[in-house]
Amino acid sequence: MASKVVRARLDGPSEAALGVLLSEGRNESEAVRTALVEAGVRRRRRAALRDEAARLAADPEDRAELVRLRDELDALMAPVPD
């Protein structure tokens, strides 16, 4: 795959983040590639978690189990009479 050159103007926070990656011994190209890959992984994980939460929220059996567990926990947390 051919390399692609990307140019970007960095603001203060992104320049500071680049500095962190450079301090780990990477050159600018390695630092930017690392940051892009890590950001992509985080975004895919968040999307997967959102999808899983939506799936579980739409599952009537799972919702019923949550209600049962909440009621059980509420009973355990009830104030103890003197």
PDB file of N, CA and C in Angstrom:
ATOM      1  N   MET A   1       0.842  -1.173   0.000  1.00  0.00           N
ATOM      2  CA  MET A   1       0.000   0.000   0.000  1.00  0.00           C
ATOM      3  C   MET A   1       0.882   1.229   0.000  1.00  0.00           C
ATOM      4  N   ALA A   2       0.569   2.163  -0.845  1.00  0.00           N
ATOM      5  CA  ALA A   2       1.361   3.383  -0.944  1.00  0.00           C
ATOM      6  C   ALA A   2       1.138   4.246   0.292  1.00  0.00           C
ATOM      7  N   SER A   3       2.183   4.936   0.700  1.00  0.00           N
ATOM      8  CA  SER A   3       2.071   5.846   1.835  1.00  0.00           C
ATOM      9  C   SER A   3       1.270   7.067   1.438  1.00  0.00           C
ATOM     10  N   LYS A   4       0.548   7.599   2.395  1.00  0.00           N
ATOM     11  CA  LYS A   4      -0.223   8.808   2.167  1.00  0.00           C
ATOM     12  C   LYS A   4       0.345   9.893   3.065  1.00  0.00           C
ATOM     13  N   VAL A   5       0.583  11.044   2.511  1.00  0.00           N
ATOM     14  CA  VAL A   5       1.094  12.160   3.278  1.00  0.00           C
ATOM     15  C   VAL A   5      -0.087  12.997   3.745  1.00  0.00           C
ATOM     16  N   VAL A   6      -0.105  13.303   5.034  1.00  0.00           N
ATOM     17  CA  VAL A   6      -1.166  14.095   5.615  1.00  0.00           C
ATOM     18  C   VAL A   6      -0.525  15.296   6.309  1.00  0.00           C
ATOM     19  N   ARG A   7      -1.096  16.462   6.094  1.00  0.00           N
ATOM     20  CA  ARG A   7      -0.610  17.667   6.762  1.00  0.00           C
ATOM     21  C   ARG A   7      -1.687  18.127   7.723  1.00  0.00           C
ATOM     22  N   ALA A   8      -1.259  18.635   8.867  1.00  0.00           N
ATOM     23  CA  ALA A   8      -2.228  19.127   9.847  1.00  0.00           C
ATOM     24  C   ALA A   8      -1.623  20.287  10.619  1.00  0.00           C
ATOM     25  N   ARG A   9      -2.465  21.228  10.962  1.00  0.00           N
ATOM     26  CA  ARG A   9      -2.059  22.310  11.866  1.00  0.00           C
ATOM     27  C   ARG A   9      -2.448  21.879  13.267  1.00  0.00           C
ATOM     28  N   LEU A  10      -1.483  21.891  14.154  1.00  0.00           N
ATOM     29  CA  LEU A  10      -1.734  21.440  15.516  1.00  0.00           C
ATOM     30  C   LEU A  10      -2.093  22.614  16.412  1.00  0.00           C
ATOM     31  N   ASP A  11      -3.095  22.392  17.266  1.00  0.00           N
ATOM     32  CA  ASP A  11      -3.406  23.370  18.296  1.00  0.00           C
ATOM     33  C   ASP A  11      -2.615  22.996  19.548  1.00  0.00           C
ATOM     34  N   GLY A  12      -2.796  23.732  20.606  1.00  0.00           N
ATOM     35  CA  GLY A  12      -2.039  23.481  21.834  1.00  0.00           C
ATOM     36  C   GLY A  12      -2.185  22.067  22.377  1.00  0.00           C
ATOM     37  N   PRO A  13      -3.433  21.600  22.576  1.00  0.00           N
ATOM     38  CA  PRO A  13      -3.599  20.243  23.125  1.00  0.00           C
ATOM     39  C   PRO A  13      -3.026  19.151  22.219  1.00  0.00           C
ATOM     40  N   SER A  14      -3.214  19.271  20.912  1.00  0.00           N
ATOM     41  CA  SER A  14      -2.682  18.232  20.027  1.00  0.00           C
ATOM     42  C   SER A  14      -1.160  18.296  19.956  1.00  0.00           C
ATOM     43  N   GLU A  15      -0.596  19.489  20.059  1.00  0.00           N
ATOM     44  CA  GLU A  15       0.860  19.606  20.080  1.00  0.00           C
ATOM     45  C   GLU A  15       1.430  18.999  21.360  1.00  0.00           C
ATOM     46  N   ALA A  16       0.734  19.197  22.473  1.00  0.00           N
ATOM     47  CA  ALA A  16       1.174  18.591  23.735  1.00  0.00           C
ATOM     48  C   ALA A  16       1.094  17.070  23.660  1.00  0.00           C
ATOM     49  N   ALA A  17       0.020  16.559  23.058  1.00  0.00           N
ATOM     50  CA  ALA A  17      -0.127  15.105  22.910  1.00  0.00           C
ATOM     51  C   ALA A  17       0.966  14.546  22.014  1.00  0.00           C
ATOM     52  N   LEU A  18       1.277  15.262  20.948  1.00  0.00           N
ATOM     53  CA  LEU A  18       2.372  14.836  20.074  1.00  0.00           C
ATOM     54  C   LEU A  18       3.675  14.807  20.857  1.00  0.00           C
ATOM     55  N   GLY A  19       3.873  15.795  21.709  1.00  0.00           N
ATOM     56  CA  GLY A  19       5.082  15.826  22.534  1.00  0.00           C
ATOM     57  C   GLY A  19       5.225  14.606  23.414  1.00  0.00           C
ATOM     58  N   VAL A  20       4.098  14.135  23.952  1.00  0.00           N
ATOM     59  CA  VAL A  20       4.126  12.920  24.784  1.00  0.00           C
ATOM     60  C   VAL A  20       4.623  11.739  23.961  1.00  0.00           C
ATOM     61  N   LEU A  21       4.078  11.588  22.759  1.00  0.00           N
ATOM     62  CA  LEU A  21       4.480  10.464  21.910  1.00  0.00           C
ATOM     63  C   LEU A  21       5.933  10.608  21.459  1.00  0.00           C
ATOM     64  N   LEU A  22       6.351  11.819  21.182  1.00  0.00           N
ATOM     65  CA  LEU A  22       7.748  12.027  20.779  1.00  0.00           C
ATOM     66  C   LEU A  22       8.696  11.726  21.935  1.00  0.00           C
ATOM     67  N   SER A  23       8.272  12.012  23.155  1.00  0.00           N
ATOM     68  CA  SER A  23       9.129  11.756  24.319  1.00  0.00           C
ATOM     69  C   SER A  23       9.335  10.267  24.558  1.00  0.00           C
ATOM     70  N   GLU A  24       8.500   9.446  23.935  1.00  0.00           N
ATOM     71  CA  GLU A  24       8.647   7.988  24.043  1.00  0.00           C
ATOM     72  C   GLU A  24       9.626   7.448  23.015  1.00  0.00           C
ATOM     73  N   GLY A  25      10.245   8.356  22.247  1.00  0.00           N
ATOM     74  CA  GLY A  25      11.266   7.935  21.301  1.00  0.00           C
ATOM     75  C   GLY A  25      10.792   7.769  19.869  1.00  0.00           C
ATOM     76  N   ARG A  26       9.552   8.127  19.601  1.00  0.00           N
ATOM     77  CA  ARG A  26       9.045   8.019  18.234  1.00  0.00           C
ATOM     78  C   ARG A  26       9.416   9.274  17.456  1.00  0.00           C
ATOM     79  N   ASN A  27       9.509   9.116  16.134  1.00  0.00           N
ATOM     80  CA  ASN A  27       9.623  10.313  15.306  1.00  0.00           C
ATOM     81  C   ASN A  27       8.204  10.800  15.024  1.00  0.00           C
ATOM     82  N   GLU A  28       8.072  11.956  14.352  1.00  0.00           N
ATOM     83  CA  GLU A  28       6.735  12.526  14.147  1.00  0.00           C
ATOM     84  C   GLU A  28       5.812  11.600  13.366  1.00  0.00           C
ATOM     85  N   SER A  29       6.328  10.962  12.329  1.00  0.00           N
ATOM     86  CA  SER A  29       5.483  10.062  11.536  1.00  0.00           C
ATOM     87  C   SER A  29       4.994   8.883  12.371  1.00  0.00           C
ATOM     88  N   GLU A  30       5.888   8.273  13.130  1.00  0.00           N
ATOM     89  CA  GLU A  30       5.498   7.149  13.980  1.00  0.00           C
ATOM     90  C   GLU A  30       4.486   7.591  15.032  1.00  0.00           C
ATOM     91  N   ALA A  31       4.708   8.772  15.602  1.00  0.00           N
ATOM     92  CA  ALA A  31       3.813   9.282  16.638  1.00  0.00           C
ATOM     93  C   ALA A  31       2.407   9.501  16.084  1.00  0.00           C
ATOM     94  N   VAL A  32       2.311  10.110  14.922  1.00  0.00           N
ATOM     95  CA  VAL A  32       1.004  10.368  14.327  1.00  0.00           C
ATOM     96  C   VAL A  32       0.319   9.061  13.948  1.00  0.00           C
ATOM     97  N   ARG A  33       1.071   8.122  13.355  1.00  0.00           N
ATOM     98  CA  ARG A  33       0.474   6.823  13.007  1.00  0.00           C
ATOM     99  C   ARG A  33      -0.036   6.113  14.259  1.00  0.00           C
ATOM    100  N   THR A  34       0.769   6.122  15.333  1.00  0.00           N
ATOM    101  CA  THR A  34       0.372   5.484  16.587  1.00  0.00           C
ATOM    102  C   THR A  34      -0.903   6.117  17.131  1.00  0.00           C
ATOM    103  N   ALA A  35      -0.949   7.449  17.132  1.00  0.00           N
ATOM    104  CA  ALA A  35      -2.126   8.148  17.654  1.00  0.00           C
ATOM    105  C   ALA A  35      -3.371   7.820  16.840  1.00  0.00           C
ATOM    106  N   LEU A  36      -3.236   7.772  15.529  1.00  0.00           N
ATOM    107  CA  LEU A  36      -4.390   7.463  14.680  1.00  0.00           C
ATOM    108  C   LEU A  36      -4.892   6.046  14.919  1.00  0.00           C
ATOM    109  N   VAL A  37      -3.980   5.102  15.010  1.00  0.00           N
ATOM    110  CA  VAL A  37      -4.375   3.704  15.237  1.00  0.00           C
ATOM    111  C   VAL A  37      -5.052   3.566  16.602  1.00  0.00           C
ATOM    112  N   GLU A  38      -4.448   4.174  17.645  1.00  0.00           N
ATOM    113  CA  GLU A  38      -5.037   4.085  18.982  1.00  0.00           C
ATOM    114  C   GLU A  38      -6.413   4.741  19.025  1.00  0.00           C
ATOM    115  N   ALA A  39      -6.577   5.870  18.371  1.00  0.00           N
ATOM    116  CA  ALA A  39      -7.873   6.542  18.342  1.00  0.00           C
ATOM    117  C   ALA A  39      -8.912   5.684  17.617  1.00  0.00           C
ATOM    118  N   GLY A  40      -8.501   5.050  16.532  1.00  0.00           N
ATOM    119  CA  GLY A  40      -9.416   4.174  15.797  1.00  0.00           C
ATOM    120  C   GLY A  40      -9.872   2.999  16.641  1.00  0.00           C
ATOM    121  N   VAL A  41      -8.942   2.404  17.376  1.00  0.00           N
ATOM    122  CA  VAL A  41      -9.283   1.274  18.242  1.00  0.00           C
ATOM    123  C   VAL A  41     -10.280   1.719  19.316  1.00  0.00           C
ATOM    124  N   ARG A  42     -10.006   2.871  19.958  1.00  0.00           N
ATOM    125  CA  ARG A  42     -10.918   3.369  21.000  1.00  0.00           C
ATOM    126  C   ARG A  42     -12.307   3.630  20.441  1.00  0.00           C
ATOM    127  N   ARG A  43     -12.373   4.239  19.269  1.00  0.00           N
ATOM    128  CA  ARG A  43     -13.689   4.545  18.689  1.00  0.00           C
ATOM    129  C   ARG A  43     -14.449   3.271  18.331  1.00  0.00           C
ATOM    130  N   ARG A  44     -13.752   2.267  17.805  1.00  0.00           N
ATOM    131  CA  ARG A  44     -14.425   0.997  17.488  1.00  0.00           C
ATOM    132  C   ARG A  44     -14.932   0.323  18.750  1.00  0.00           C
ATOM    133  N   ARG A  45     -14.143   0.366  19.833  1.00  0.00           N
ATOM    134  CA  ARG A  45     -14.588  -0.230  21.095  1.00  0.00           C
ATOM    135  C   ARG A  45     -15.813   0.486  21.648  1.00  0.00           C
ATOM    136  N   ARG A  46     -15.785   1.830  21.616  1.00  0.00           N
ATOM    137  CA  ARG A  46     -16.947   2.590  22.107  1.00  0.00           C
ATOM    138  C   ARG A  46     -18.183   2.283  21.279  1.00  0.00           C
ATOM    139  N   ALA A  47     -18.016   2.185  19.975  1.00  0.00           N
ATOM    140  CA  ALA A  47     -19.158   1.871  19.109  1.00  0.00           C
ATOM    141  C   ALA A  47     -19.694   0.480  19.428  1.00  0.00           C
ATOM    142  N   ALA A  48     -18.803  -0.474  19.666  1.00  0.00           N
ATOM    143  CA  ALA A  48     -19.234  -1.831  20.004  1.00  0.00           C
ATOM    144  C   ALA A  48     -19.979  -1.839  21.333  1.00  0.00           C
ATOM    145  N   LEU A  49     -19.499  -1.066  22.310  1.00  0.00           N
ATOM    146  CA  LEU A  49     -20.194  -0.993  23.598  1.00  0.00           C
ATOM    147  C   LEU A  49     -21.566  -0.344  23.461  1.00  0.00           C
ATOM    148  N   ARG A  50     -21.659   0.714  22.644  1.00  0.00           N
ATOM    149  CA  ARG A  50     -22.959   1.348  22.399  1.00  0.00           C
ATOM    150  C   ARG A  50     -23.925   0.371  21.758  1.00  0.00           C
ATOM    151  N   ASP A  51     -23.429  -0.381  20.772  1.00  0.00           N
ATOM    152  CA  ASP A  51     -24.277  -1.365  20.093  1.00  0.00           C
ATOM    153  C   ASP A  51     -24.746  -2.445  21.065  1.00  0.00           C
ATOM    154  N   GLU A  52     -23.832  -2.900  21.921  1.00  0.00           N
ATOM    155  CA  GLU A  52     -24.184  -3.935  22.895  1.00  0.00           C
ATOM    156  C   GLU A  52     -25.207  -3.403  23.894  1.00  0.00           C
ATOM    157  N   ALA A  53     -25.021  -2.172  24.361  1.00  0.00           N
ATOM    158  CA  ALA A  53     -25.972  -1.574  25.304  1.00  0.00           C
ATOM    159  C   ALA A  53     -27.348  -1.434  24.664  1.00  0.00           C
ATOM    160  N   ALA A  54     -27.383  -1.006  23.404  1.00  0.00           N
ATOM    161  CA  ALA A  54     -28.663  -0.866  22.708  1.00  0.00           C
ATOM    162  C   ALA A  54     -29.330  -2.220  22.534  1.00  0.00           C
ATOM    163  N   ARG A  55     -28.543  -3.237  22.203  1.00  0.00           N
ATOM    164  CA  ARG A  55     -29.094  -4.581  22.035  1.00  0.00           C
ATOM    165  C   ARG A  55     -29.682  -5.088  23.352  1.00  0.00           C
ATOM    166  N   LEU A  56     -28.939  -4.897  24.452  1.00  0.00           N
ATOM    167  CA  LEU A  56     -29.421  -5.360  25.750  1.00  0.00           C
ATOM    168  C   LEU A  56     -30.650  -4.570  26.201  1.00  0.00           C
ATOM    169  N   ALA A  57     -30.663  -3.273  25.939  1.00  0.00           N
ATOM    170  CA  ALA A  57     -31.809  -2.442  26.324  1.00  0.00           C
ATOM    171  C   ALA A  57     -33.067  -2.865  25.577  1.00  0.00           C
ATOM    172  N   ALA A  58     -32.904  -3.412  24.388  1.00  0.00           N
ATOM    173  CA  ALA A  58     -34.048  -3.836  23.587  1.00  0.00           C
ATOM    174  C   ALA A  58     -34.469  -5.277  23.889  1.00  0.00           C
ATOM    175  N   ASP A  59     -33.717  -5.970  24.717  1.00  0.00           N
ATOM    176  CA  ASP A  59     -33.993  -7.375  25.032  1.00  0.00           C
ATOM    177  C   ASP A  59     -34.924  -7.454  26.240  1.00  0.00           C
ATOM    178  N   PRO A  60     -36.177  -7.898  26.053  1.00  0.00           N
ATOM    179  CA  PRO A  60     -37.129  -7.919  27.170  1.00  0.00           C
ATOM    180  C   PRO A  60     -36.686  -8.843  28.308  1.00  0.00           C
ATOM    181  N   GLU A  61     -36.049  -9.938  27.995  1.00  0.00           N
ATOM    182  CA  GLU A  61     -35.580 -10.844  29.052  1.00  0.00           C
ATOM    183  C   GLU A  61     -34.488 -10.184  29.881  1.00  0.00           C
ATOM    184  N   ASP A  62     -33.571  -9.489  29.224  1.00  0.00           N
ATOM    185  CA  ASP A  62     -32.496  -8.812  29.941  1.00  0.00           C
ATOM    186  C   ASP A  62     -33.065  -7.695  30.812  1.00  0.00           C
ATOM    187  N   ARG A  63     -34.032  -6.946  30.280  1.00  0.00           N
ATOM    188  CA  ARG A  63     -34.652  -5.866  31.059  1.00  0.00           C
ATOM    189  C   ARG A  63     -35.370  -6.432  32.285  1.00  0.00           C
ATOM    190  N   ALA A  64     -36.048  -7.556  32.126  1.00  0.00           N
ATOM    191  CA  ALA A  64     -36.734  -8.188  33.254  1.00  0.00           C
ATOM    192  C   ALA A  64     -35.728  -8.633  34.311  1.00  0.00           C
ATOM    193  N   GLU A  65     -34.601  -9.145  33.879  1.00  0.00           N
ATOM    194  CA  GLU A  65     -33.556  -9.563  34.814  1.00  0.00           C
ATOM    195  C   GLU A  65     -32.998  -8.354  35.571  1.00  0.00           C
ATOM    196  N   LEU A  66     -32.826  -7.235  34.884  1.00  0.00           N
ATOM    197  CA  LEU A  66     -32.346  -6.019  35.544  1.00  0.00           C
ATOM    198  C   LEU A  66     -33.336  -5.551  36.614  1.00  0.00           C
ATOM    199  N   VAL A  67     -34.623  -5.608  36.303  1.00  0.00           N
ATOM    200  CA  VAL A  67     -35.644  -5.213  37.280  1.00  0.00           C
ATOM    201  C   VAL A  67     -35.580  -6.141  38.483  1.00  0.00           C
ATOM    202  N   ARG A  68     -35.459  -7.442  38.232  1.00  0.00           N
ATOM    203  CA  ARG A  68     -35.376  -8.414  39.337  1.00  0.00           C
ATOM    204  C   ARG A  68     -34.162  -8.132  40.207  1.00  0.00           C
ATOM    205  N   LEU A  69     -33.009  -7.878  39.586  1.00  0.00           N
ATOM    206  CA  LEU A  69     -31.795  -7.596  40.352  1.00  0.00           C
ATOM    207  C   LEU A  69     -31.916  -6.290  41.127  1.00  0.00           C
ATOM    208  N   ARG A  70     -32.510  -5.265  40.510  1.00  0.00           N
ATOM    209  CA  ARG A  70     -32.692  -3.988  41.198  1.00  0.00           C
ATOM    210  C   ARG A  70     -33.582  -4.163  42.422  1.00  0.00           C
ATOM    211  N   ASP A  71     -34.672  -4.929  42.273  1.00  0.00           N
ATOM    212  CA  ASP A  71     -35.570  -5.174  43.406  1.00  0.00           C
ATOM    213  C   ASP A  71     -34.846  -5.941  44.510  1.00  0.00           C
ATOM    214  N   GLU A  72     -34.022  -6.897  44.114  1.00  0.00           N
ATOM    215  CA  GLU A  72     -33.262  -7.690  45.087  1.00  0.00           C
ATOM    216  C   GLU A  72     -32.270  -6.802  45.835  1.00  0.00           C
ATOM    217  N   LEU A  73     -31.584  -5.926  45.120  1.00  0.00           N
ATOM    218  CA  LEU A  73     -30.633  -5.026  45.754  1.00  0.00           C
ATOM    219  C   LEU A  73     -31.350  -4.015  46.654  1.00  0.00           C
ATOM    220  N   ASP A  74     -32.490  -3.521  46.209  1.00  0.00           N
ATOM    221  CA  ASP A  74     -33.275  -2.603  47.040  1.00  0.00           C
ATOM    222  C   ASP A  74     -33.663  -3.252  48.361  1.00  0.00           C
ATOM    223  N   ALA A  75     -34.033  -4.535  48.309  1.00  0.00           N
ATOM    224  CA  ALA A  75     -34.416  -5.252  49.527  1.00  0.00           C
ATOM    225  C   ALA A  75     -33.201  -5.401  50.452  1.00  0.00           C
ATOM    226  N   LEU A  76     -32.019  -5.608  49.893  1.00  0.00           N
ATOM    227  CA  LEU A  76     -30.830  -5.738  50.711  1.00  0.00           C
ATOM    228  C   LEU A  76     -30.422  -4.408  51.340  1.00  0.00           C
ATOM    229  N   MET A  77     -30.726  -3.325  50.668  1.00  0.00           N
ATOM    230  CA  MET A  77     -30.336  -2.005  51.133  1.00  0.00           C
ATOM    231  C   MET A  77     -31.394  -1.360  52.031  1.00  0.00           C
ATOM    232  N   ALA A  78     -32.489  -2.059  52.263  1.00  0.00           N
ATOM    233  CA  ALA A  78     -33.551  -1.500  53.088  1.00  0.00           C
ATOM    234  C   ALA A  78     -33.003  -1.189  54.486  1.00  0.00           C
ATOM    235  N   PRO A  79     -33.474  -0.100  55.094  1.00  0.00           N
ATOM    236  CA  PRO A  79     -33.000   0.242  56.437  1.00  0.00           C
ATOM    237  C   PRO A  79     -33.304  -0.864  57.444  1.00  0.00           C
ATOM    238  N   VAL A  80     -32.387  -1.074  58.322  1.00  0.00           N
ATOM    239  CA  VAL A  80     -32.555  -2.095  59.360  1.00  0.00           C
ATOM    240  C   VAL A  80     -33.281  -1.434  60.528  1.00  0.00           C
ATOM    241  N   PRO A  81     -34.408  -2.039  60.978  1.00  0.00           N
ATOM    242  CA  PRO A  81     -35.126  -1.442  62.109  1.00  0.00           C
ATOM    243  C   PRO A  81     -34.295  -1.534  63.382  1.00  0.00           C
ATOM    244  N   ASP A  82     -34.517  -0.547  64.278  1.00  0.00           N
ATOM    245  CA  ASP A  82     -33.792  -0.534  65.570  1.00  0.00           C
ATOM    246  C   ASP A  82     -34.313  -1.563  66.521  1.00  0.00           C
TER     247      ASP A  82
END
